[in-house]
């Protein structure tokens, strides 16, 4: 199969063996017959290239509508359009939604988004009047996606490539960190922020953070988010 379809094929386990599936044309089907002595062909739906879009559904969080460019928007909501790409974050994940719910209750100020992914939290903050907004991620594809999404939404977000666990962090009124709990605990002592919204972990992983006092705790679908204030 690798020789016949070096671009890739699918391997499906079943109760009576393994099925190997190649998406090809009549020529590829003929090659399968010659090599294996048989094959079963099925037509692929004409819209197969667009079916992935069905997995990206918009969400409504308070006054905000967050969704992909092709989805219908709510007339009574502030739209935030996120193009699904290689970077994490479309607004649909519970951790993102919980962070936004906490963000909605805070007065605007400066923001640093630590591990920004596609930039959805940075864009939401900018739409809500937070400024300046700095988005950091160690993945250059994420930073590129954040810049593209910010421009598409008409907001000012400065996105940079940086390892938030080792780089010197800018001071900000609010830090956003949708990351793993071990990374958050390593990061917390280095933060220079009055407030911190964190998520990316299970409700059972919630606990104290060095240099911060705990203020709010939200959970949804097996995930948690928290609001902290600096202890000093």
Protein backbone atom coordinates (compact mmCIF):
# COMPACT_ATOMS: atom_id res chain seq x y z
CA UNK A 1 0.00 0.00 0.00
CA UNK A 2 2.86 2.39 0.72
CA UNK A 3 4.28 1.74 -2.74
CA UNK A 4 0.88 2.21 -4.38
CA UNK A 5 -0.17 5.27 -2.35
CA UNK A 6 2.92 6.99 -0.89
CA UNK A 7 0.81 10.08 -0.14
CA UNK A 8 -1.06 8.05 2.46
CA UNK A 9 -3.92 5.64 3.09
CA UNK A 10 -6.27 4.82 5.95
CA UNK A 11 -6.13 1.73 8.16
CA UNK A 12 -9.43 0.72 9.81
CA UNK A 13 -9.73 -2.02 12.44
CA UNK A 14 -12.76 -4.28 12.26
CA UNK A 15 -13.95 -7.42 14.04
CA UNK A 16 -12.66 -9.70 11.29
CA UNK A 17 -9.40 -7.97 10.33
CA UNK A 18 -7.99 -4.73 9.04
CA UNK A 19 -9.32 -2.70 6.12
CA UNK A 20 -6.94 -0.53 4.10
CA UNK A 21 -8.58 2.42 2.38
CA UNK A 22 -7.11 4.64 -0.34
CA UNK A 23 -8.83 7.68 -1.78
CA UNK A 24 -8.02 7.41 -5.45
CA UNK A 25 -9.39 7.23 -9.00
CA UNK A 26 -10.10 4.36 -11.40
CA UNK A 27 -6.39 3.98 -12.13
CA UNK A 28 -5.64 3.47 -8.45
CA UNK A 29 -8.46 0.96 -8.19
CA UNK A 30 -6.97 -1.01 -11.08
CA UNK A 31 -3.56 -1.08 -9.37
CA UNK A 32 -5.20 -2.45 -6.22
CA UNK A 33 -6.78 -5.26 -8.23
CA UNK A 34 -3.44 -6.20 -9.82
CA UNK A 35 -1.56 -6.29 -6.52
CA UNK A 36 -4.17 -7.72 -4.14
CA UNK A 37 -6.42 -9.61 -6.52
CA UNK A 38 -9.50 -7.65 -5.51
CA UNK A 39 -10.85 -4.40 -4.11
CA UNK A 40 -14.14 -2.77 -3.18
CA UNK A 41 -14.88 0.68 -4.55
CA UNK A 42 -17.31 3.29 -3.25
CA UNK A 43 -18.00 6.77 -4.56
CA UNK A 44 -16.95 9.60 -2.27
CA UNK A 45 -19.49 12.39 -1.75
CA UNK A 46 -18.83 15.41 -3.93
CA UNK A 47 -18.67 17.74 -0.90
CA UNK A 48 -15.99 15.77 0.96
CA UNK A 49 -13.53 18.70 0.84
CA UNK A 50 -16.01 20.90 2.76
CA UNK A 51 -17.22 18.37 5.35
CA UNK A 52 -14.55 19.37 7.89
CA UNK A 53 -16.34 22.69 8.27
CA UNK A 54 -19.17 20.92 10.07
CA UNK A 55 -16.83 20.29 13.02
CA UNK A 56 -16.35 24.05 13.61
CA UNK A 57 -19.53 25.49 15.07
CA UNK A 58 -19.95 29.04 16.44
CA UNK A 59 -20.53 29.71 20.14
CA UNK A 60 -22.30 32.51 22.00
CA UNK A 61 -20.68 33.74 25.21
CA UNK A 62 -22.54 36.66 26.75
CA UNK A 63 -22.46 39.54 24.26
CA UNK A 64 -19.92 37.78 22.04
CA UNK A 65 -20.38 35.54 18.99
CA UNK A 66 -17.28 33.49 18.15
CA UNK A 67 -17.15 31.37 15.04
CA UNK A 68 -15.56 30.57 11.67
CA UNK A 69 -15.93 32.88 8.65
CA UNK A 70 -18.62 30.76 6.95
CA UNK A 71 -21.02 30.56 9.92
CA UNK A 72 -24.08 32.79 10.28
CA UNK A 73 -23.55 35.50 12.87
CA UNK A 74 -25.94 36.83 15.52
CA UNK A 75 -27.11 40.35 14.75
CA UNK A 76 -27.25 41.28 18.45
CA UNK A 77 -23.73 40.08 19.30
CA UNK A 78 -20.20 41.38 18.87
CA UNK A 79 -18.68 39.07 16.24
CA UNK A 80 -15.25 37.51 16.63
CA UNK A 81 -14.28 35.55 13.53
CA UNK A 82 -11.59 32.89 13.94
CA UNK A 83 -10.25 30.96 10.97
CA UNK A 84 -9.55 27.33 12.02
CA UNK A 85 -5.89 26.68 11.40
CA UNK A 86 -2.92 24.82 12.80
CA UNK A 87 -2.94 26.86 16.02
CA UNK A 88 -5.06 25.84 19.02
CA UNK A 89 -8.14 27.86 19.77
CA UNK A 90 -11.41 28.49 17.94
CA UNK A 91 -13.55 29.46 20.91
CA UNK A 92 -15.35 26.14 21.04
CA UNK A 93 -13.27 24.47 23.76
CA UNK A 94 -14.63 24.74 27.33
CA UNK A 95 -11.34 26.17 28.64
CA UNK A 96 -11.53 29.06 26.18
CA UNK A 97 -15.18 29.72 27.03
CA UNK A 98 -14.50 29.69 30.77
CA UNK A 99 -11.63 32.17 30.37
CA UNK A 100 -13.89 34.47 28.38
CA UNK A 101 -16.63 34.29 31.02
CA UNK A 102 -14.14 35.41 33.66
CA UNK A 103 -12.79 38.09 31.35
CA UNK A 104 -16.25 39.58 30.79
CA UNK A 105 -16.51 40.60 34.47
CA UNK A 106 -13.22 42.53 34.64
CA UNK A 107 -12.51 46.20 33.96
CA UNK A 108 -10.33 46.74 30.89
CA UNK A 109 -6.59 47.21 31.22
CA UNK A 110 -3.40 45.93 29.68
CA UNK A 111 -3.18 42.20 28.83
CA UNK A 112 -0.50 39.61 28.18
CA UNK A 113 -1.76 36.34 26.67
CA UNK A 114 0.66 33.54 27.54
CA UNK A 115 0.44 30.69 25.03
CA UNK A 116 -1.93 32.58 22.75
CA UNK A 117 -2.58 29.88 20.13
CA UNK A 118 -4.83 31.31 17.44
CA UNK A 119 -5.19 34.51 19.44
CA UNK A 120 -8.86 34.11 20.34
CA UNK A 121 -8.46 35.29 23.96
CA UNK A 122 -6.31 38.24 22.89
CA UNK A 123 -8.88 39.24 20.28
CA UNK A 124 -11.74 38.94 22.76
CA UNK A 125 -9.82 41.12 25.22
CA UNK A 126 -9.18 43.76 22.55
CA UNK A 127 -12.84 43.70 21.50
CA UNK A 128 -13.83 44.29 25.15
CA UNK A 129 -11.61 47.36 25.35
CA UNK A 130 -8.48 45.91 26.94
CA UNK A 131 -5.28 47.58 25.70
CA UNK A 132 -2.49 47.18 24.96
CA UNK A 133 -2.74 43.44 24.25
CA UNK A 134 0.41 41.34 23.89
CA UNK A 135 0.10 37.72 22.66
CA UNK A 136 2.99 35.30 23.14
CA UNK A 137 3.51 31.75 21.90
CA UNK A 138 6.53 29.54 21.24
CA UNK A 139 4.95 28.23 18.02
CA UNK A 140 5.57 30.53 15.06
CA UNK A 141 2.47 29.14 13.31
CA UNK A 142 0.36 30.20 16.30
CA UNK A 143 1.81 33.69 16.25
CA UNK A 144 1.15 33.97 12.53
CA UNK A 145 -2.45 32.79 13.05
CA UNK A 146 -2.94 35.26 15.91
CA UNK A 147 -1.73 38.15 13.75
CA UNK A 148 -3.98 37.11 10.86
CA UNK A 149 -7.04 36.68 13.08
CA UNK A 150 -6.44 39.98 14.86
CA UNK A 151 -6.21 41.82 11.54
CA UNK A 152 -9.37 40.11 10.28
CA UNK A 153 -11.23 41.31 13.39
CA UNK A 154 -9.88 44.85 13.18
CA UNK A 155 -8.20 44.87 16.59
CA UNK A 156 -4.72 45.79 17.76
CA UNK A 157 -2.86 42.76 19.10
CA UNK A 158 0.92 42.54 19.19
CA UNK A 159 1.88 38.88 18.68
CA UNK A 160 5.42 37.65 19.26
CA UNK A 161 7.27 34.33 19.28
CA UNK A 162 8.46 33.68 22.84
CA UNK A 163 8.86 30.83 25.31
CA UNK A 164 6.78 32.12 28.22
CA UNK A 165 8.51 29.73 30.64
CA UNK A 166 11.96 31.20 30.00
CA UNK A 167 11.51 34.70 28.50
CA UNK A 168 11.25 37.87 30.58
CA UNK A 169 7.55 38.69 30.78
CA UNK A 170 6.07 42.14 30.30
CA UNK A 171 4.12 43.73 33.15
CA UNK A 172 0.36 43.86 32.56
CA UNK A 173 -2.85 44.43 34.49
CA UNK A 174 -4.08 40.99 33.46
CA UNK A 175 -2.36 37.77 32.38
CA UNK A 176 -4.22 35.08 30.43
CA UNK A 177 -2.85 31.54 30.58
CA UNK A 178 -4.81 28.69 29.01
CA UNK A 179 -2.05 26.13 29.55
CA UNK A 180 -1.36 22.96 31.54
CA UNK A 181 -1.36 23.13 35.32
CA UNK A 182 2.36 22.21 35.73
CA UNK A 183 3.29 24.95 33.25
CA UNK A 184 1.06 27.42 35.08
CA UNK A 185 2.66 26.64 38.44
CA UNK A 186 6.12 27.10 36.91
CA UNK A 187 5.04 30.35 35.29
CA UNK A 188 3.21 31.99 38.21
CA UNK A 189 6.25 33.19 40.24
CA UNK A 190 7.56 35.00 37.16
CA UNK A 191 4.35 36.88 36.34
CA UNK A 192 4.20 40.67 36.68
CA UNK A 193 0.42 41.01 36.59
CA UNK A 194 -2.21 42.22 39.07
CA UNK A 195 -4.68 39.59 37.94
CA UNK A 196 -4.47 36.19 36.28
CA UNK A 197 -7.09 34.16 34.44
CA UNK A 198 -5.99 30.57 34.00
CA UNK A 199 -7.40 27.38 32.51
CA UNK A 200 -6.32 24.26 30.64
CA UNK A 201 -6.61 21.76 33.49
CA UNK A 202 -9.10 19.55 35.32
CA UNK A 203 -11.17 20.74 38.31
CA UNK A 204 -9.17 18.40 40.55
CA UNK A 205 -5.92 20.16 39.52
CA UNK A 206 -6.98 23.53 40.91
CA UNK A 207 -4.95 24.84 43.82
CA UNK A 208 -2.93 27.75 45.10
CA UNK A 209 -0.39 29.62 43.01
CA UNK A 210 2.76 31.23 44.35
CA UNK A 211 2.30 34.99 44.62
CA UNK A 212 -1.47 34.97 44.01
CA UNK A 213 -4.74 34.82 45.94
CA UNK A 214 -7.61 32.76 44.52
CA UNK A 215 -10.80 34.70 43.71
CA UNK A 216 -13.13 32.68 41.43
CA UNK A 217 -13.47 29.13 40.18
CA UNK A 218 -15.56 27.96 37.20
CA UNK A 219 -16.00 24.47 35.74
CA UNK A 220 -17.59 23.06 32.60
CA UNK A 221 -17.50 19.67 30.88
CA UNK A 222 -14.67 18.39 33.04
CA UNK A 223 -12.48 21.51 32.74
CA UNK A 224 -11.74 24.34 35.14
CA UNK A 225 -10.78 28.01 35.03
CA UNK A 226 -9.75 30.36 37.83
CA UNK A 227 -9.30 34.03 38.57
CA UNK A 228 -6.37 35.05 40.77
CA UNK A 229 -5.15 38.37 42.19
CA UNK A 230 -1.57 39.21 43.05
CA UNK A 231 -0.87 38.74 46.76
CA UNK A 232 1.04 42.02 47.17
